[in-house]
Amino acid sequence: MAVNGRHPMWGIALILLMAACFATLDTAVKYLGATVPVLLILWGRYVFQAVAMTLWLAGRGLRGAGPGAFRAARPGFQVLRGALLLSTSGLSFYGVQHMPVAEFTAIAMLTPVVVTVLAATVLKEHVSGLRWALVALGLAGALLVIRPGTGVVGWAAVFPLALTVAYGAFQVLTSRYAALEDPYITHFYTGLVGAVALSAIVAISPLRLVDALSGASALQWSVLLLVGAMGTVGHLLLILALGMAPASTLMPFTYSALVFATLAGAWVFGHMPDGIAMAGMAVIALGGAASVWLNVREAQQRSPAPASPTTAPAGAAQASHERPGVSPVAMDVLGD
């Protein structure tokens, strides 16, 4: 059913597909990382996105956008944003080699906790007592998943915890400047920055790229392409979904990634989180859903009356909201 000319049910369907894409991505990275250098997988993921989005924007340029199809309003923002997302991808790709996918996904969903702390300490924003309670709830859920001292997760928990910090900074930056950029151009530069940076790293690393690629089996090539496709398509599905329904409607469904990650891990690796870990995941998801509700309530209290749809600039809905986790200062989805 459409609402104000939008299609929220289609938007929710696309968000569920996006969550499945990101769970597939993490599972494929873990599977491929057993036989292929992780640096090669990371490089392939970003090169795929850079090439795919180059073709996408070139096609749009041929349809009338002209030379402006690749023009960024704030190149510095694009470089810094791309570098932050690349750091989260690196932590994710290496992290899932040492942790089950479901537990990694659950801890990574603590990003709203980090953003709340950043909002209070770095941006000097007022953080309500309820938000601090949600921070405590998220940390309690993470402790149930990690269980320090038991060896259930161990030192590898450093990867998703560091990821939440890097991605929290990414969300804060995105919330400040994303509305000034076309989301498709931003998606292109995210791939381009990652591809250029990783090509430079590969060039000075012991990895022999040509030998590794030429020596890869058909299965390895297929999974490598799947990694690139899932990362690229996942974010495109998010952009399309945000054009069909408000972010406040869509974001609670990003926590379906926990379900997809659990199912994928059980199917591919035969791993199912134990009862305590499942309880921790539920607590994290509950805290995230409560954060979504609080975001919507606060936005309604401080926002002016919405502008007429006929006067809103094209693409404004997508540009103003761009991996899972919802923060008080950004509406971006956790995706590698």
C-alpha atoms as a PDB file:
ATOM      1  CA  MET A   1       0.000   0.000   0.000  1.00  0.00           C
ATOM      2  CA  ALA A   2       1.379   3.384  -0.926  1.00  0.00           C
ATOM      3  CA  VAL A   3       1.662   6.187   1.573  1.00  0.00           C
ATOM      4  CA  ASN A   4       2.018   9.739   0.259  1.00  0.00           C
ATOM      5  CA  GLY A   5       3.038   8.349  -3.104  1.00  0.00           C
ATOM      6  CA  ARG A   6       5.513   5.921  -1.536  1.00  0.00           C
ATOM      7  CA  HIS A   7       5.555   2.145  -1.245  1.00  0.00           C
ATOM      8  CA  PRO A   8       6.625   1.154   2.286  1.00  0.00           C
ATOM      9  CA  MET A   9       6.014  -2.575   1.799  1.00  0.00           C
ATOM     10  CA  TRP A  10       8.346  -2.633  -1.200  1.00  0.00           C
ATOM     11  CA  GLY A  11      10.850  -0.617   0.823  1.00  0.00           C
ATOM     12  CA  ILE A  12      10.720  -3.154   3.668  1.00  0.00           C
ATOM     13  CA  ALA A  13      11.149  -6.006   1.169  1.00  0.00           C
ATOM     14  CA  LEU A  14      14.263  -4.317  -0.236  1.00  0.00           C
ATOM     15  CA  ILE A  15      15.671  -3.796   3.269  1.00  0.00           C
ATOM     16  CA  LEU A  16      15.190  -7.495   4.032  1.00  0.00           C
ATOM     17  CA  LEU A  17      16.996  -8.354   0.787  1.00  0.00           C
ATOM     18  CA  MET A  18      19.761  -5.926   1.779  1.00  0.00           C
ATOM     19  CA  ALA A  19      20.175  -7.635   5.158  1.00  0.00           C
ATOM     20  CA  ALA A  20      20.365 -10.997   3.381  1.00  0.00           C
ATOM     21  CA  CYS A  21      23.013  -9.577   1.039  1.00  0.00           C
ATOM     22  CA  PHE A  22      25.209  -8.441   3.921  1.00  0.00           C
ATOM     23  CA  ALA A  23      24.828 -11.763   5.777  1.00  0.00           C
ATOM     24  CA  THR A  24      25.752 -13.575   2.552  1.00  0.00           C
ATOM     25  CA  LEU A  25      28.725 -11.240   2.128  1.00  0.00           C
ATOM     26  CA  ASP A  26      30.132 -11.959   5.598  1.00  0.00           C
ATOM     27  CA  THR A  27      29.550 -15.702   5.218  1.00  0.00           C
ATOM     28  CA  ALA A  28      31.241 -15.754   1.798  1.00  0.00           C
ATOM     29  CA  VAL A  29      34.211 -13.782   3.162  1.00  0.00           C
ATOM     30  CA  LYS A  30      34.668 -16.255   6.013  1.00  0.00           C
ATOM     31  CA  TYR A  31      34.387 -19.231   3.634  1.00  0.00           C
ATOM     32  CA  LEU A  32      36.778 -17.812   1.034  1.00  0.00           C
ATOM     33  CA  GLY A  33      39.242 -16.555   3.649  1.00  0.00           C
ATOM     34  CA  ALA A  34      40.149 -20.148   4.513  1.00  0.00           C
ATOM     35  CA  THR A  35      41.898 -20.551   1.138  1.00  0.00           C
ATOM     36  CA  VAL A  36      42.424 -17.041  -0.266  1.00  0.00           C
ATOM     37  CA  PRO A  37      44.326 -14.089   1.293  1.00  0.00           C
ATOM     38  CA  VAL A  38      41.878 -11.734   2.994  1.00  0.00           C
ATOM     39  CA  LEU A  39      43.627  -8.737   1.427  1.00  0.00           C
ATOM     40  CA  LEU A  40      42.774 -10.113  -2.019  1.00  0.00           C
ATOM     41  CA  ILE A  41      39.117 -10.557  -1.022  1.00  0.00           C
ATOM     42  CA  LEU A  42      38.968  -7.004   0.325  1.00  0.00           C
ATOM     43  CA  TRP A  43      40.579  -5.625  -2.845  1.00  0.00           C
ATOM     44  CA  GLY A  44      38.152  -7.555  -5.045  1.00  0.00           C
ATOM     45  CA  ARG A  45      35.135  -6.296  -3.103  1.00  0.00           C
ATOM     46  CA  TYR A  46      36.015  -2.641  -3.668  1.00  0.00           C
ATOM     47  CA  VAL A  47      37.207  -3.020  -7.264  1.00  0.00           C
ATOM     48  CA  PHE A  48      33.894  -4.684  -8.096  1.00  0.00           C
ATOM     49  CA  GLN A  49      31.974  -1.760  -6.609  1.00  0.00           C
ATOM     50  CA  ALA A  50      34.137   0.845  -8.346  1.00  0.00           C
ATOM     51  CA  VAL A  51      33.653  -0.819 -11.737  1.00  0.00           C
ATOM     52  CA  ALA A  52      29.936  -1.477 -11.240  1.00  0.00           C
ATOM     53  CA  MET A  53      29.186   2.083 -10.141  1.00  0.00           C
ATOM     54  CA  THR A  54      31.314   3.528 -12.946  1.00  0.00           C
ATOM     55  CA  LEU A  55      29.094   1.688 -15.421  1.00  0.00           C
ATOM     56  CA  TRP A  56      25.956   2.738 -13.497  1.00  0.00           C
ATOM     57  CA  LEU A  57      26.850   6.439 -13.478  1.00  0.00           C
ATOM     58  CA  ALA A  58      28.117   6.336 -17.066  1.00  0.00           C
ATOM     59  CA  GLY A  59      24.748   4.962 -18.120  1.00  0.00           C
ATOM     60  CA  ARG A  60      22.995   7.689 -16.172  1.00  0.00           C
ATOM     61  CA  GLY A  61      25.229  10.263 -17.845  1.00  0.00           C
ATOM     62  CA  LEU A  62      24.229   8.965 -21.252  1.00  0.00           C
ATOM     63  CA  ARG A  63      20.584   9.327 -20.206  1.00  0.00           C
ATOM     64  CA  GLY A  64      20.972  13.035 -19.564  1.00  0.00           C
ATOM     65  CA  ALA A  65      23.094  13.700 -16.472  1.00  0.00           C
ATOM     66  CA  GLY A  66      26.063  14.638 -18.652  1.00  0.00           C
ATOM     67  CA  PRO A  67      29.553  15.233 -17.225  1.00  0.00           C
ATOM     68  CA  GLY A  68      28.052  15.967 -13.804  1.00  0.00           C
ATOM     69  CA  ALA A  69      27.242  12.270 -13.380  1.00  0.00           C
ATOM     70  CA  PHE A  70      30.566  11.767 -11.520  1.00  0.00           C
ATOM     71  CA  ARG A  71      30.925  15.184  -9.866  1.00  0.00           C
ATOM     72  CA  ALA A  72      31.129  15.241  -6.059  1.00  0.00           C
ATOM     73  CA  ALA A  73      30.071  18.373  -4.205  1.00  0.00           C
ATOM     74  CA  ARG A  74      32.569  17.707  -1.379  1.00  0.00           C
ATOM     75  CA  PRO A  75      35.514  15.552  -2.535  1.00  0.00           C
ATOM     76  CA  GLY A  76      37.168  15.716   0.889  1.00  0.00           C
ATOM     77  CA  PHE A  77      34.053  14.256   2.492  1.00  0.00           C
ATOM     78  CA  GLN A  78      34.016  11.443  -0.051  1.00  0.00           C
ATOM     79  CA  VAL A  79      37.671  10.532   0.594  1.00  0.00           C
ATOM     80  CA  LEU A  80      37.333  10.564   4.380  1.00  0.00           C
ATOM     81  CA  ARG A  81      34.028   8.701   4.295  1.00  0.00           C
ATOM     82  CA  GLY A  82      35.468   6.098   1.933  1.00  0.00           C
ATOM     83  CA  ALA A  83      38.526   5.641   4.168  1.00  0.00           C
ATOM     84  CA  LEU A  84      36.349   5.113   7.260  1.00  0.00           C
ATOM     85  CA  LEU A  85      34.147   2.564   5.512  1.00  0.00           C
ATOM     86  CA  LEU A  86      37.231   0.783   4.171  1.00  0.00           C
ATOM     87  CA  SER A  87      38.532   0.485   7.732  1.00  0.00           C
ATOM     88  CA  THR A  88      35.245  -1.077   8.862  1.00  0.00           C
ATOM     89  CA  SER A  89      35.360  -3.524   5.950  1.00  0.00           C
ATOM     90  CA  GLY A  90      38.939  -4.497   6.818  1.00  0.00           C
ATOM     91  CA  LEU A  91      38.011  -5.128  10.438  1.00  0.00           C
ATOM     92  CA  SER A  92      34.977  -7.127   9.312  1.00  0.00           C
ATOM     93  CA  PHE A  93      36.784  -9.241   6.695  1.00  0.00           C
ATOM     94  CA  TYR A  94      39.620 -10.143   9.066  1.00  0.00           C
ATOM     95  CA  GLY A  95      37.315 -10.433  12.083  1.00  0.00           C
ATOM     96  CA  VAL A  96      34.971 -13.062  10.637  1.00  0.00           C
ATOM     97  CA  GLN A  97      37.985 -15.314  10.059  1.00  0.00           C
ATOM     98  CA  HIS A  98      38.259 -15.655  13.849  1.00  0.00           C
ATOM     99  CA  MET A  99      34.597 -15.474  14.945  1.00  0.00           C
ATOM    100  CA  PRO A 100      31.258 -17.017  13.991  1.00  0.00           C
ATOM    101  CA  VAL A 101      29.331 -14.769  11.608  1.00  0.00           C
ATOM    102  CA  ALA A 102      26.258 -14.426  13.836  1.00  0.00           C
ATOM    103  CA  GLU A 103      28.193 -13.383  16.957  1.00  0.00           C
ATOM    104  CA  PHE A 104      30.305 -10.969  14.917  1.00  0.00           C
ATOM    105  CA  THR A 105      27.179  -9.401  13.420  1.00  0.00           C
ATOM    106  CA  ALA A 106      25.571  -9.013  16.837  1.00  0.00           C
ATOM    107  CA  ILE A 107      28.548  -7.193  18.361  1.00  0.00           C
ATOM    108  CA  ALA A 108      28.931  -5.000  15.275  1.00  0.00           C
ATOM    109  CA  MET A 109      25.344  -3.862  15.802  1.00  0.00           C
ATOM    110  CA  LEU A 110      26.517  -1.943  18.863  1.00  0.00           C
ATOM    111  CA  THR A 111      27.315   0.995  16.604  1.00  0.00           C
ATOM    112  CA  PRO A 112      24.382   3.057  18.007  1.00  0.00           C
ATOM    113  CA  VAL A 113      26.018   2.746  21.439  1.00  0.00           C
ATOM    114  CA  VAL A 114      29.274   4.175  20.098  1.00  0.00           C
ATOM    115  CA  VAL A 115      27.515   6.975  18.234  1.00  0.00           C
ATOM    116  CA  THR A 116      25.644   7.962  21.384  1.00  0.00           C
ATOM    117  CA  VAL A 117      28.951   8.181  23.274  1.00  0.00           C
ATOM    118  CA  LEU A 118      30.517  10.171  20.412  1.00  0.00           C
ATOM    119  CA  ALA A 119      27.535  12.523  20.362  1.00  0.00           C
ATOM    120  CA  ALA A 120      27.996  13.242  24.069  1.00  0.00           C
ATOM    121  CA  THR A 121      31.804  13.411  24.246  1.00  0.00           C
ATOM    122  CA  VAL A 122      32.900  14.724  20.843  1.00  0.00           C
ATOM    123  CA  LEU A 123      29.904  16.649  19.506  1.00  0.00           C
ATOM    124  CA  LYS A 124      28.898  17.843  22.994  1.00  0.00           C
ATOM    125  CA  GLU A 125      25.267  17.014  22.295  1.00  0.00           C
ATOM    126  CA  HIS A 126      22.799  16.475  25.083  1.00  0.00           C
ATOM    127  CA  VAL A 127      22.173  12.755  25.614  1.00  0.00           C
ATOM    128  CA  SER A 128      19.076  11.836  27.593  1.00  0.00           C
ATOM    129  CA  GLY A 129      19.003   9.391  30.461  1.00  0.00           C
ATOM    130  CA  LEU A 130      16.977   6.999  28.290  1.00  0.00           C
ATOM    131  CA  ARG A 131      19.728   6.943  25.670  1.00  0.00           C
ATOM    132  CA  TRP A 132      22.332   6.148  28.341  1.00  0.00           C
ATOM    133  CA  ALA A 133      20.063   3.321  29.498  1.00  0.00           C
ATOM    134  CA  LEU A 134      20.059   1.978  25.930  1.00  0.00           C
ATOM    135  CA  VAL A 135      23.866   2.201  25.924  1.00  0.00           C
ATOM    136  CA  ALA A 136      23.933   0.062  29.085  1.00  0.00           C
ATOM    137  CA  LEU A 137      21.440  -2.376  27.540  1.00  0.00           C
ATOM    138  CA  GLY A 138      23.556  -2.771  24.405  1.00  0.00           C
ATOM    139  CA  LEU A 139      26.720  -3.341  26.430  1.00  0.00           C
ATOM    140  CA  ALA A 140      24.911  -5.952  28.549  1.00  0.00           C
ATOM    141  CA  GLY A 141      23.883  -7.788  25.378  1.00  0.00           C
ATOM    142  CA  ALA A 142      27.453  -7.659  24.075  1.00  0.00           C
ATOM    143  CA  LEU A 143      28.755  -9.129  27.338  1.00  0.00           C
ATOM    144  CA  LEU A 144      26.322 -12.043  26.973  1.00  0.00           C
ATOM    145  CA  VAL A 145      27.681 -12.716  23.481  1.00  0.00           C
ATOM    146  CA  ILE A 146      31.376 -12.217  24.325  1.00  0.00           C
ATOM    147  CA  ARG A 147      31.441 -13.558  27.919  1.00  0.00           C
ATOM    148  CA  PRO A 148      34.961 -12.316  28.766  1.00  0.00           C
ATOM    149  CA  GLY A 149      37.176 -14.882  30.431  1.00  0.00           C
ATOM    150  CA  THR A 150      35.222 -17.901  29.199  1.00  0.00           C
ATOM    151  CA  GLY A 151      37.054 -18.277  25.896  1.00  0.00           C
ATOM    152  CA  VAL A 152      33.765 -18.426  23.982  1.00  0.00           C
ATOM    153  CA  VAL A 153      34.792 -15.540  21.706  1.00  0.00           C
ATOM    154  CA  GLY A 154      38.157 -14.498  23.130  1.00  0.00           C
ATOM    155  CA  TRP A 155      40.528 -11.889  21.774  1.00  0.00           C
ATOM    156  CA  ALA A 156      38.782 -11.837  18.373  1.00  0.00           C
ATOM    157  CA  ALA A 157      36.041  -9.650  19.912  1.00  0.00           C
ATOM    158  CA  VAL A 158      38.500  -6.788  19.363  1.00  0.00           C
ATOM    159  CA  PHE A 159      37.579  -6.796  15.658  1.00  0.00           C
ATOM    160  CA  PRO A 160      33.823  -6.064  15.911  1.00  0.00           C
ATOM    161  CA  LEU A 161      34.369  -3.719  18.872  1.00  0.00           C
ATOM    162  CA  ALA A 162      36.933  -1.685  16.899  1.00  0.00           C
ATOM    163  CA  LEU A 163      34.559  -1.794  13.936  1.00  0.00           C
ATOM    164  CA  THR A 164      31.819  -0.107  15.964  1.00  0.00           C
ATOM    165  CA  VAL A 165      34.180   2.784  16.751  1.00  0.00           C
ATOM    166  CA  ALA A 166      35.242   3.233  13.125  1.00  0.00           C
ATOM    167  CA  TYR A 167      31.695   2.917  11.879  1.00  0.00           C
ATOM    168  CA  GLY A 168      30.397   5.234  14.574  1.00  0.00           C
ATOM    169  CA  ALA A 169      32.777   7.917  13.276  1.00  0.00           C
ATOM    170  CA  PHE A 170      31.605   7.094   9.742  1.00  0.00           C
ATOM    171  CA  GLN A 171      27.962   7.622  10.753  1.00  0.00           C
ATOM    172  CA  VAL A 172      28.680  10.935  12.454  1.00  0.00           C
ATOM    173  CA  LEU A 173      30.505  12.176   9.347  1.00  0.00           C
ATOM    174  CA  THR A 174      27.773  10.915   7.021  1.00  0.00           C
ATOM    175  CA  SER A 175      25.054  12.624   9.063  1.00  0.00           C
ATOM    176  CA  ARG A 176      26.810  15.964   8.644  1.00  0.00           C
ATOM    177  CA  TYR A 177      27.386  15.945   4.893  1.00  0.00           C
ATOM    178  CA  ALA A 178      25.419  13.179   3.134  1.00  0.00           C
ATOM    179  CA  ALA A 179      22.470  15.478   2.360  1.00  0.00           C
ATOM    180  CA  LEU A 180      24.791  17.547   0.136  1.00  0.00           C
ATOM    181  CA  GLU A 181      25.689  14.613  -2.125  1.00  0.00           C
ATOM    182  CA  ASP A 182      23.887  12.350  -4.565  1.00  0.00           C
ATOM    183  CA  PRO A 183      23.822   8.895  -2.889  1.00  0.00           C
ATOM    184  CA  TYR A 184      24.776   7.096  -6.120  1.00  0.00           C
ATOM    185  CA  ILE A 185      27.819   9.342  -6.572  1.00  0.00           C
ATOM    186  CA  THR A 186      28.722   8.715  -2.927  1.00  0.00           C
ATOM    187  CA  HIS A 187      28.423   4.964  -3.531  1.00  0.00           C
ATOM    188  CA  PHE A 188      30.756   5.302  -6.526  1.00  0.00           C
ATOM    189  CA  TYR A 189      33.400   7.215  -4.565  1.00  0.00           C
ATOM    190  CA  THR A 190      33.189   4.727  -1.685  1.00  0.00           C
ATOM    191  CA  GLY A 191      34.206   1.989  -4.139  1.00  0.00           C
ATOM    192  CA  LEU A 192      36.797   4.169  -5.863  1.00  0.00           C
ATOM    193  CA  VAL A 193      38.532   5.265  -2.634  1.00  0.00           C
ATOM    194  CA  GLY A 194      38.663   1.683  -1.403  1.00  0.00           C
ATOM    195  CA  ALA A 195      39.923   0.324  -4.734  1.00  0.00           C
ATOM    196  CA  VAL A 196      42.678   2.938  -5.045  1.00  0.00           C
ATOM    197  CA  ALA A 197      43.812   2.599  -1.418  1.00  0.00           C
ATOM    198  CA  LEU A 198      43.824  -1.197  -1.522  1.00  0.00           C
ATOM    199  CA  SER A 199      45.642  -1.284  -4.871  1.00  0.00           C
ATOM    200  CA  ALA A 200      48.409   0.784  -3.286  1.00  0.00           C
ATOM    201  CA  ILE A 201      48.523  -1.535  -0.247  1.00  0.00           C
ATOM    202  CA  VAL A 202      48.595  -4.625  -2.474  1.00  0.00           C
ATOM    203  CA  ALA A 203      51.454  -3.104  -4.496  1.00  0.00           C
ATOM    204  CA  ILE A 204      53.726  -2.881  -1.429  1.00  0.00           C
ATOM    205  CA  SER A 205      52.524  -6.108   0.217  1.00  0.00           C
ATOM    206  CA  PRO A 206      53.944  -9.622  -0.247  1.00  0.00           C
ATOM    207  CA  LEU A 207      50.724 -10.567  -2.069  1.00  0.00           C
ATOM    208  CA  ARG A 208      51.337 -11.371  -5.742  1.00  0.00           C
ATOM    209  CA  LEU A 209      48.012 -10.230  -7.144  1.00  0.00           C
ATOM    210  CA  VAL A 210      48.350 -11.585 -10.692  1.00  0.00           C
ATOM    211  CA  ASP A 211      49.571 -14.990  -9.471  1.00  0.00           C
ATOM    212  CA  ALA A 212      46.793 -15.183  -6.867  1.00  0.00           C
ATOM    213  CA  LEU A 213      44.087 -14.351  -9.390  1.00  0.00           C
ATOM    214  CA  SER A 214      45.421 -16.612 -12.133  1.00  0.00           C
ATOM    215  CA  GLY A 215      45.811 -19.476  -9.673  1.00  0.00           C
ATOM    216  CA  ALA A 216      42.298 -19.181  -8.245  1.00  0.00           C
ATOM    217  CA  SER A 217      39.856 -21.975  -8.965  1.00  0.00           C
ATOM    218  CA  ALA A 218      36.484 -21.434 -10.615  1.00  0.00           C
ATOM    219  CA  LEU A 219      34.814 -21.784  -7.211  1.00  0.00           C
ATOM    220  CA  GLN A 220      37.124 -19.205  -5.642  1.00  0.00           C
ATOM    221  CA  TRP A 221      36.488 -16.797  -8.502  1.00  0.00           C
ATOM    222  CA  SER A 222      32.745 -17.305  -8.117  1.00  0.00           C
ATOM    223  CA  VAL A 223      32.797 -16.588  -4.377  1.00  0.00           C
ATOM    224  CA  LEU A 224      35.071 -13.563  -4.888  1.00  0.00           C
ATOM    225  CA  LEU A 225      32.625 -12.111  -7.409  1.00  0.00           C
ATOM    226  CA  LEU A 226      29.775 -12.920  -5.020  1.00  0.00           C
ATOM    227  CA  VAL A 227      31.508 -10.885  -2.286  1.00  0.00           C
ATOM    228  CA  GLY A 228      31.802  -7.878  -4.592  1.00  0.00           C
ATOM    229  CA  ALA A 229      28.236  -8.207  -5.817  1.00  0.00           C
ATOM    230  CA  MET A 230      26.709  -8.561  -2.341  1.00  0.00           C
ATOM    231  CA  GLY A 231      28.527  -5.492  -1.005  1.00  0.00           C
ATOM    232  CA  THR A 232      27.615  -3.364  -4.015  1.00  0.00           C
ATOM    233  CA  VAL A 233      24.033  -4.550  -4.441  1.00  0.00           C
ATOM    234  CA  GLY A 234      23.337  -4.414  -0.696  1.00  0.00           C
ATOM    235  CA  HIS A 235      23.996  -0.684  -0.579  1.00  0.00           C
ATOM    236  CA  LEU A 236      22.082  -0.076  -3.799  1.00  0.00           C
ATOM    237  CA  LEU A 237      19.066  -1.861  -2.294  1.00  0.00           C
ATOM    238  CA  LEU A 238      19.310   0.490   0.685  1.00  0.00           C
ATOM    239  CA  ILE A 239      19.309   3.547  -1.569  1.00  0.00           C
ATOM    240  CA  LEU A 240      16.303   2.248  -3.514  1.00  0.00           C
ATOM    241  CA  ALA A 241      14.443   1.318  -0.308  1.00  0.00           C
ATOM    242  CA  LEU A 242      14.910   4.811   1.112  1.00  0.00           C
ATOM    243  CA  GLY A 243      13.223   6.169  -1.991  1.00  0.00           C
ATOM    244  CA  MET A 244      10.131   4.104  -1.192  1.00  0.00           C
ATOM    245  CA  ALA A 245       9.640   4.511   2.555  1.00  0.00           C
ATOM    246  CA  PRO A 246      10.882   6.694   5.427  1.00  0.00           C
ATOM    247  CA  ALA A 247      14.073   5.580   7.143  1.00  0.00           C
ATOM    248  CA  SER A 248      12.191   5.347  10.443  1.00  0.00           C
ATOM    249  CA  THR A 249       9.947   2.688   8.875  1.00  0.00           C
ATOM    250  CA  LEU A 250      12.810   0.711   7.366  1.00  0.00           C
ATOM    251  CA  MET A 251      15.560   0.733   9.977  1.00  0.00           C
ATOM    252  CA  PRO A 252      13.988  -1.702  12.488  1.00  0.00           C
ATOM    253  CA  PHE A 253      14.044  -4.354   9.750  1.00  0.00           C
ATOM    254  CA  THR A 254      17.826  -4.074   9.388  1.00  0.00           C
ATOM    255  CA  TYR A 255      18.061  -6.193  12.554  1.00  0.00           C
ATOM    256  CA  SER A 256      16.843  -9.110  10.452  1.00  0.00           C
ATOM    257  CA  ALA A 257      20.549  -9.370   9.542  1.00  0.00           C
ATOM    258  CA  LEU A 258      20.962 -11.243  12.838  1.00  0.00           C
ATOM    259  CA  VAL A 259      18.531 -13.909  11.646  1.00  0.00           C
ATOM    260  CA  PHE A 260      20.136 -14.184   8.213  1.00  0.00           C
ATOM    261  CA  ALA A 261      23.659 -14.341   9.708  1.00  0.00           C
ATOM    262  CA  THR A 262      22.601 -17.080  12.128  1.00  0.00           C
ATOM    263  CA  LEU A 263      20.970 -19.152   9.371  1.00  0.00           C
ATOM    264  CA  ALA A 264      23.916 -18.678   6.997  1.00  0.00           C
ATOM    265  CA  GLY A 265      26.426 -19.664   9.679  1.00  0.00           C
ATOM    266  CA  ALA A 266      24.411 -22.767  10.561  1.00  0.00           C
ATOM    267  CA  TRP A 267      24.054 -23.807   6.910  1.00  0.00           C
ATOM    268  CA  VAL A 268      27.624 -23.192   5.711  1.00  0.00           C
ATOM    269  CA  PHE A 269      29.676 -23.818   8.860  1.00  0.00           C
ATOM    270  CA  GLY A 270      27.328 -25.877  11.023  1.00  0.00           C
ATOM    271  CA  HIS A 271      27.533 -23.308  13.825  1.00  0.00           C
ATOM    272  CA  MET A 272      24.534 -22.272  15.897  1.00  0.00           C
ATOM    273  CA  PRO A 273      24.937 -19.737  18.736  1.00  0.00           C
ATOM    274  CA  ASP A 274      24.212 -21.142  22.173  1.00  0.00           C
ATOM    275  CA  GLY A 275      21.313 -19.987  24.308  1.00  0.00           C
ATOM    276  CA  ILE A 276      23.266 -17.287  26.156  1.00  0.00           C
ATOM    277  CA  ALA A 277      24.584 -15.815  22.905  1.00  0.00           C
ATOM    278  CA  MET A 278      21.065 -15.838  21.430  1.00  0.00           C
ATOM    279  CA  ALA A 279      19.818 -13.989  24.504  1.00  0.00           C
ATOM    280  CA  GLY A 280      22.578 -11.416  24.040  1.00  0.00           C
ATOM    281  CA  MET A 281      21.606 -10.935  20.397  1.00  0.00           C
ATOM    282  CA  ALA A 282      17.999 -10.395  21.411  1.00  0.00           C
ATOM    283  CA  VAL A 283      19.052  -7.776  23.973  1.00  0.00           C
ATOM    284  CA  ILE A 284      21.156  -5.951  21.365  1.00  0.00           C
ATOM    285  CA  ALA A 285      18.285  -6.026  18.861  1.00  0.00           C
ATOM    286  CA  LEU A 286      15.857  -4.782  21.531  1.00  0.00           C
ATOM    287  CA  GLY A 287      18.152  -1.883  22.352  1.00  0.00           C
ATOM    288  CA  GLY A 288      18.511  -1.055  18.673  1.00  0.00           C
ATOM    289  CA  ALA A 289      14.775  -1.139  18.086  1.00  0.00           C
ATOM    290  CA  ALA A 290      14.242   1.133  21.097  1.00  0.00           C
ATOM    291  CA  SER A 291      16.851   3.494  19.663  1.00  0.00           C
ATOM    292  CA  VAL A 292      14.899   3.612  16.398  1.00  0.00           C
ATOM    293  CA  TRP A 293      11.732   4.513  18.271  1.00  0.00           C
ATOM    294  CA  LEU A 294      13.552   7.223  20.218  1.00  0.00           C
ATOM    295  CA  ASN A 295      15.038   8.645  17.003  1.00  0.00           C
ATOM    296  CA  VAL A 296      11.600   8.911  15.450  1.00  0.00           C
ATOM    297  CA  ARG A 297      10.086  10.539  18.534  1.00  0.00           C
ATOM    298  CA  GLU A 298      12.854  13.113  18.843  1.00  0.00           C
ATOM    299  CA  ALA A 299      12.773  13.893  15.121  1.00  0.00           C
ATOM    300  CA  GLN A 300       9.011  14.475  15.264  1.00  0.00           C
ATOM    301  CA  GLN A 301       9.423  16.811  18.231  1.00  0.00           C
ATOM    302  CA  ARG A 302      12.043  19.040  16.596  1.00  0.00           C
ATOM    303  CA  SER A 303      11.178  18.862  12.866  1.00  0.00           C
ATOM    304  CA  PRO A 304       9.105  21.558  11.127  1.00  0.00           C
ATOM    305  CA  ALA A 305       6.139  20.635   9.010  1.00  0.00           C
ATOM    306  CA  PRO A 306       7.224  18.545   6.014  1.00  0.00           C
ATOM    307  CA  ALA A 307       7.681  20.306   2.717  1.00  0.00           C
ATOM    308  CA  SER A 308       5.316  19.663  -0.135  1.00  0.00           C
ATOM    309  CA  PRO A 309       6.412  16.699  -2.267  1.00  0.00           C
ATOM    310  CA  THR A 310       6.198  18.897  -5.332  1.00  0.00           C
ATOM    311  CA  THR A 311       8.843  21.276  -3.988  1.00  0.00           C
ATOM    312  CA  ALA A 312      11.306  18.745  -2.574  1.00  0.00           C
ATOM    313  CA  PRO A 313      14.496  18.396  -4.649  1.00  0.00           C
ATOM    314  CA  ALA A 314      14.893  15.164  -6.591  1.00  0.00           C
ATOM    315  CA  GLY A 315      16.721  12.506  -4.628  1.00  0.00           C
ATOM    316  CA  ALA A 316      16.416  14.389  -1.338  1.00  0.00           C
ATOM    317  CA  ALA A 317      14.992  11.375   0.461  1.00  0.00           C
ATOM    318  CA  GLN A 318      17.927   9.209  -0.554  1.00  0.00           C
ATOM    319  CA  ALA A 319      20.570  11.876  -0.075  1.00  0.00           C
ATOM    320  CA  SER A 320      19.593  12.671   3.478  1.00  0.00           C
ATOM    321  CA  HIS A 321      19.759   9.048   4.688  1.00  0.00           C
ATOM    322  CA  GLU A 322      22.321   6.786   3.669  1.00  0.00           C
ATOM    323  CA  ARG A 323      25.841  -0.455   7.420  1.00  0.00           C
ATOM    324  CA  PRO A 324      22.808  -2.290  10.607  1.00  0.00           C
ATOM    325  CA  GLY A 325      22.500   0.023  13.533  1.00  0.00           C
ATOM    326  CA  VAL A 326      20.667   3.260  13.789  1.00  0.00           C
ATOM    327  CA  SER A 327      22.177   6.217  15.533  1.00  0.00           C
ATOM    328  CA  PRO A 328      20.779   9.485  16.836  1.00  0.00           C
ATOM    329  CA  VAL A 329      22.802  11.357  14.252  1.00  0.00           C
ATOM    330  CA  ALA A 330      22.687   9.112  11.192  1.00  0.00           C
ATOM    331  CA  MET A 331      20.443   6.670   9.387  1.00  0.00           C
ATOM    332  CA  ASP A 332      22.999   4.515   7.589  1.00  0.00           C
ATOM    333  CA  VAL A 333      23.097   0.752   7.514  1.00  0.00           C
ATOM    334  CA  LEU A 334      25.977  -1.454   8.543  1.00  0.00           C
ATOM    335  CA  GLY A 335      27.274  -3.098   5.382  1.00  0.00           C
ATOM    336  CA  ASP A 336      30.820  -4.011   4.439  1.00  0.00           C
END
